[in-house]
Amino acid sequence: MLFDHSSKLERRTLDRRKMLGSGVISFAGGNCGMDCVVLDLTDGGARIRPADILTCPDEFYLATKEGSRVTCRVVWRRNDLIGVLFR
């Protein structure tokens, strides 16, 4: 399903749920990590603001304060935000 919102093409096929929750991005075998803010979620991915966009890897684990942990792959980067798909 595609929507045109404010001249930006909407490619998301799953409903997005707004969320403003903290999380932790872990990578390098769990030896490295950084805080993040999860801005919204779908069943298949999320929009995230990592603490450091420049050192955020393309694949990582995302843990939320609710206790969930998912493997993520970055599919886009814009300014200080990333979009990820859950694997």
N, C-alpha and C. Protein backbone atom coordinates (compact mmCIF):
# COMPACT_ATOMS: atom_id res chain seq x y z
N MET A 1 0.85 -1.17 0.00
CA MET A 1 0.00 0.00 0.00
C MET A 1 0.90 1.24 0.00
N LEU A 2 0.73 2.14 -0.96
CA LEU A 2 1.54 3.34 -1.05
C LEU A 2 0.69 4.57 -0.82
N PHE A 3 1.21 5.51 -0.08
CA PHE A 3 0.52 6.76 0.21
C PHE A 3 1.44 7.91 -0.13
N ASP A 4 0.89 9.03 -0.50
CA ASP A 4 1.68 10.22 -0.75
C ASP A 4 1.37 11.23 0.35
N HIS A 5 2.29 11.39 1.29
CA HIS A 5 2.13 12.32 2.41
C HIS A 5 3.13 13.45 2.23
N SER A 6 2.66 14.66 2.06
CA SER A 6 3.52 15.84 1.96
C SER A 6 4.63 15.65 0.93
N SER A 7 4.29 15.12 -0.20
CA SER A 7 5.18 14.88 -1.32
C SER A 7 6.28 13.87 -1.01
N LYS A 8 6.15 13.09 0.05
CA LYS A 8 7.08 12.00 0.34
C LYS A 8 6.36 10.69 0.09
N LEU A 9 6.96 9.84 -0.69
CA LEU A 9 6.36 8.56 -1.02
C LEU A 9 6.42 7.63 0.18
N GLU A 10 5.29 7.10 0.58
CA GLU A 10 5.19 6.18 1.71
C GLU A 10 5.32 4.76 1.18
N ARG A 11 6.41 4.04 1.57
CA ARG A 11 6.65 2.69 1.09
C ARG A 11 6.28 1.63 2.11
N ARG A 12 5.92 2.04 3.29
CA ARG A 12 5.62 1.11 4.38
C ARG A 12 4.34 0.35 4.09
N THR A 13 4.38 -0.98 4.24
CA THR A 13 3.19 -1.78 4.00
C THR A 13 2.53 -2.22 5.30
N LEU A 14 3.19 -2.04 6.43
CA LEU A 14 2.64 -2.39 7.74
C LEU A 14 2.31 -1.13 8.51
N ASP A 15 1.29 -1.19 9.37
CA ASP A 15 0.91 -0.03 10.16
C ASP A 15 2.01 0.35 11.13
N ARG A 16 2.28 1.65 11.21
CA ARG A 16 3.31 2.18 12.10
C ARG A 16 2.68 2.60 13.42
N ARG A 17 3.35 2.23 14.53
CA ARG A 17 2.89 2.63 15.86
C ARG A 17 3.91 3.59 16.45
N LYS A 18 3.46 4.77 16.83
CA LYS A 18 4.33 5.74 17.47
C LYS A 18 4.80 5.20 18.80
N MET A 19 6.05 5.44 19.10
CA MET A 19 6.63 4.99 20.36
C MET A 19 7.76 5.94 20.68
N LEU A 20 7.96 6.26 21.88
CA LEU A 20 9.11 7.07 22.26
C LEU A 20 9.74 6.35 23.44
N GLY A 21 10.49 5.31 23.11
CA GLY A 21 11.08 4.47 24.15
C GLY A 21 12.57 4.36 24.00
N SER A 22 13.23 4.10 25.09
CA SER A 22 14.68 3.95 25.04
C SER A 22 15.03 2.52 24.67
N GLY A 23 16.21 2.37 24.10
CA GLY A 23 16.71 1.06 23.73
C GLY A 23 18.21 1.06 23.74
N VAL A 24 18.78 -0.10 23.47
CA VAL A 24 20.23 -0.25 23.38
C VAL A 24 20.55 -1.02 22.11
N ILE A 25 21.47 -0.46 21.33
CA ILE A 25 21.99 -1.10 20.13
C ILE A 25 23.27 -1.81 20.54
N SER A 26 23.35 -3.13 20.28
CA SER A 26 24.59 -3.84 20.60
C SER A 26 25.13 -4.50 19.33
N PHE A 27 26.47 -4.54 19.23
CA PHE A 27 27.12 -5.06 18.04
C PHE A 27 28.52 -5.54 18.42
N ALA A 28 29.27 -6.02 17.44
CA ALA A 28 30.62 -6.56 17.66
C ALA A 28 30.58 -7.68 18.69
N GLY A 29 29.66 -8.62 18.48
CA GLY A 29 29.55 -9.75 19.38
C GLY A 29 29.09 -9.39 20.78
N GLY A 30 28.42 -8.26 20.91
CA GLY A 30 27.96 -7.82 22.22
C GLY A 30 29.00 -7.04 23.00
N ASN A 31 30.17 -6.81 22.39
CA ASN A 31 31.24 -6.07 23.06
C ASN A 31 31.08 -4.57 22.97
N CYS A 32 30.27 -4.09 22.04
CA CYS A 32 30.04 -2.65 21.86
C CYS A 32 28.55 -2.37 21.92
N GLY A 33 28.21 -1.19 22.36
CA GLY A 33 26.81 -0.81 22.41
C GLY A 33 26.63 0.69 22.52
N MET A 34 25.42 1.13 22.24
CA MET A 34 25.08 2.55 22.38
C MET A 34 23.60 2.65 22.66
N ASP A 35 23.23 3.72 23.34
CA ASP A 35 21.83 4.00 23.61
C ASP A 35 21.15 4.48 22.34
N CYS A 36 19.83 4.36 22.31
CA CYS A 36 19.05 4.86 21.19
C CYS A 36 17.64 5.19 21.67
N VAL A 37 16.91 5.87 20.82
CA VAL A 37 15.49 6.15 21.04
C VAL A 37 14.72 5.51 19.90
N VAL A 38 13.75 4.67 20.23
CA VAL A 38 12.89 4.06 19.23
C VAL A 38 11.70 5.00 19.05
N LEU A 39 11.57 5.55 17.84
CA LEU A 39 10.55 6.56 17.57
C LEU A 39 9.23 5.95 17.12
N ASP A 40 9.29 4.92 16.31
CA ASP A 40 8.07 4.20 15.94
C ASP A 40 8.42 2.80 15.49
N LEU A 41 7.39 1.95 15.49
CA LEU A 41 7.55 0.52 15.22
C LEU A 41 6.50 0.03 14.24
N THR A 42 6.87 -0.99 13.46
CA THR A 42 5.91 -1.82 12.75
C THR A 42 6.23 -3.25 13.17
N ASP A 43 5.46 -4.21 12.69
CA ASP A 43 5.79 -5.59 13.00
C ASP A 43 7.10 -6.01 12.32
N GLY A 44 7.51 -5.28 11.29
CA GLY A 44 8.70 -5.66 10.54
C GLY A 44 9.90 -4.77 10.69
N GLY A 45 9.79 -3.67 11.43
CA GLY A 45 10.94 -2.77 11.55
C GLY A 45 10.66 -1.59 12.47
N ALA A 46 11.58 -0.61 12.43
CA ALA A 46 11.48 0.54 13.33
C ALA A 46 12.23 1.74 12.77
N ARG A 47 11.88 2.91 13.29
CA ARG A 47 12.63 4.15 13.04
C ARG A 47 13.31 4.49 14.35
N ILE A 48 14.64 4.67 14.30
CA ILE A 48 15.46 4.78 15.50
C ILE A 48 16.38 5.99 15.41
N ARG A 49 16.63 6.64 16.56
CA ARG A 49 17.64 7.69 16.66
C ARG A 49 18.78 7.14 17.53
N PRO A 50 19.86 6.65 16.89
CA PRO A 50 20.99 6.14 17.69
C PRO A 50 21.77 7.28 18.32
N ALA A 51 22.49 6.96 19.40
CA ALA A 51 23.30 7.99 20.08
C ALA A 51 24.38 8.54 19.15
N ASP A 52 24.92 7.70 18.27
CA ASP A 52 25.97 8.13 17.34
C ASP A 52 25.71 7.52 15.97
N ILE A 53 25.15 8.30 15.09
CA ILE A 53 24.79 7.81 13.76
C ILE A 53 26.02 7.35 12.97
N LEU A 54 27.17 7.96 13.21
CA LEU A 54 28.37 7.64 12.44
C LEU A 54 28.97 6.28 12.79
N THR A 55 28.83 5.84 14.04
CA THR A 55 29.40 4.55 14.42
C THR A 55 28.35 3.45 14.50
N CYS A 56 27.12 3.76 14.18
CA CYS A 56 26.06 2.75 14.21
C CYS A 56 26.26 1.80 13.02
N PRO A 57 26.42 0.50 13.28
CA PRO A 57 26.68 -0.45 12.19
C PRO A 57 25.43 -0.74 11.36
N ASP A 58 25.63 -1.43 10.24
CA ASP A 58 24.53 -1.78 9.35
C ASP A 58 23.68 -2.93 9.89
N GLU A 59 24.25 -3.76 10.76
CA GLU A 59 23.49 -4.84 11.41
C GLU A 59 23.82 -4.84 12.89
N PHE A 60 22.79 -5.06 13.72
CA PHE A 60 22.97 -5.03 15.16
C PHE A 60 21.78 -5.66 15.86
N TYR A 61 21.89 -5.83 17.16
CA TYR A 61 20.77 -6.25 18.00
C TYR A 61 20.19 -5.01 18.66
N LEU A 62 18.86 -4.96 18.73
CA LEU A 62 18.16 -3.88 19.42
C LEU A 62 17.44 -4.48 20.62
N ALA A 63 17.76 -3.96 21.80
CA ALA A 63 17.08 -4.37 23.03
C ALA A 63 16.29 -3.18 23.55
N THR A 64 15.04 -3.41 23.93
CA THR A 64 14.20 -2.34 24.47
C THR A 64 14.03 -2.54 25.96
N LYS A 65 13.58 -1.48 26.63
CA LYS A 65 13.39 -1.57 28.08
C LYS A 65 12.28 -2.55 28.45
N GLU A 66 11.41 -2.88 27.47
CA GLU A 66 10.35 -3.86 27.71
C GLU A 66 10.90 -5.28 27.72
N GLY A 67 12.17 -5.45 27.32
CA GLY A 67 12.80 -6.77 27.37
C GLY A 67 12.89 -7.49 26.05
N SER A 68 12.40 -6.90 24.96
CA SER A 68 12.52 -7.57 23.67
C SER A 68 13.92 -7.34 23.10
N ARG A 69 14.37 -8.30 22.29
CA ARG A 69 15.68 -8.21 21.63
C ARG A 69 15.52 -8.76 20.23
N VAL A 70 15.81 -7.92 19.22
CA VAL A 70 15.66 -8.33 17.82
C VAL A 70 16.92 -8.00 17.03
N THR A 71 17.16 -8.78 16.00
CA THR A 71 18.25 -8.51 15.07
C THR A 71 17.74 -7.51 14.04
N CYS A 72 18.53 -6.49 13.75
CA CYS A 72 18.11 -5.42 12.83
C CYS A 72 19.13 -5.24 11.70
N ARG A 73 18.60 -4.84 10.55
CA ARG A 73 19.42 -4.45 9.40
C ARG A 73 18.99 -3.06 8.97
N VAL A 74 19.95 -2.13 8.87
CA VAL A 74 19.65 -0.75 8.47
C VAL A 74 19.30 -0.73 6.99
N VAL A 75 18.16 -0.09 6.66
CA VAL A 75 17.74 0.02 5.26
C VAL A 75 17.79 1.47 4.77
N TRP A 76 17.83 2.43 5.68
CA TRP A 76 18.03 3.82 5.28
C TRP A 76 18.64 4.62 6.43
N ARG A 77 19.31 5.72 6.09
CA ARG A 77 19.89 6.66 7.05
C ARG A 77 19.57 8.06 6.56
N ARG A 78 19.06 8.89 7.45
CA ARG A 78 18.77 10.30 7.14
C ARG A 78 19.07 11.14 8.36
N ASN A 79 19.99 12.08 8.19
CA ASN A 79 20.38 12.97 9.29
C ASN A 79 20.78 12.13 10.51
N ASP A 80 20.03 12.22 11.61
CA ASP A 80 20.38 11.46 12.81
C ASP A 80 19.45 10.26 13.04
N LEU A 81 18.73 9.84 11.99
CA LEU A 81 17.77 8.74 12.11
C LEU A 81 18.15 7.58 11.20
N ILE A 82 17.72 6.38 11.61
CA ILE A 82 17.88 5.20 10.76
C ILE A 82 16.56 4.44 10.71
N GLY A 83 16.35 3.76 9.62
CA GLY A 83 15.22 2.85 9.47
C GLY A 83 15.77 1.45 9.42
N VAL A 84 15.19 0.53 10.18
CA VAL A 84 15.68 -0.84 10.24
C VAL A 84 14.58 -1.84 9.93
N LEU A 85 15.00 -2.98 9.38
CA LEU A 85 14.12 -4.13 9.22
C LEU A 85 14.51 -5.15 10.29
N PHE A 86 13.51 -5.78 10.87
CA PHE A 86 13.78 -6.86 11.82
C PHE A 86 14.06 -8.13 11.04
N ARG A 87 15.00 -8.93 11.52
CA ARG A 87 15.34 -10.18 10.85
C ARG A 87 14.95 -11.35 11.69
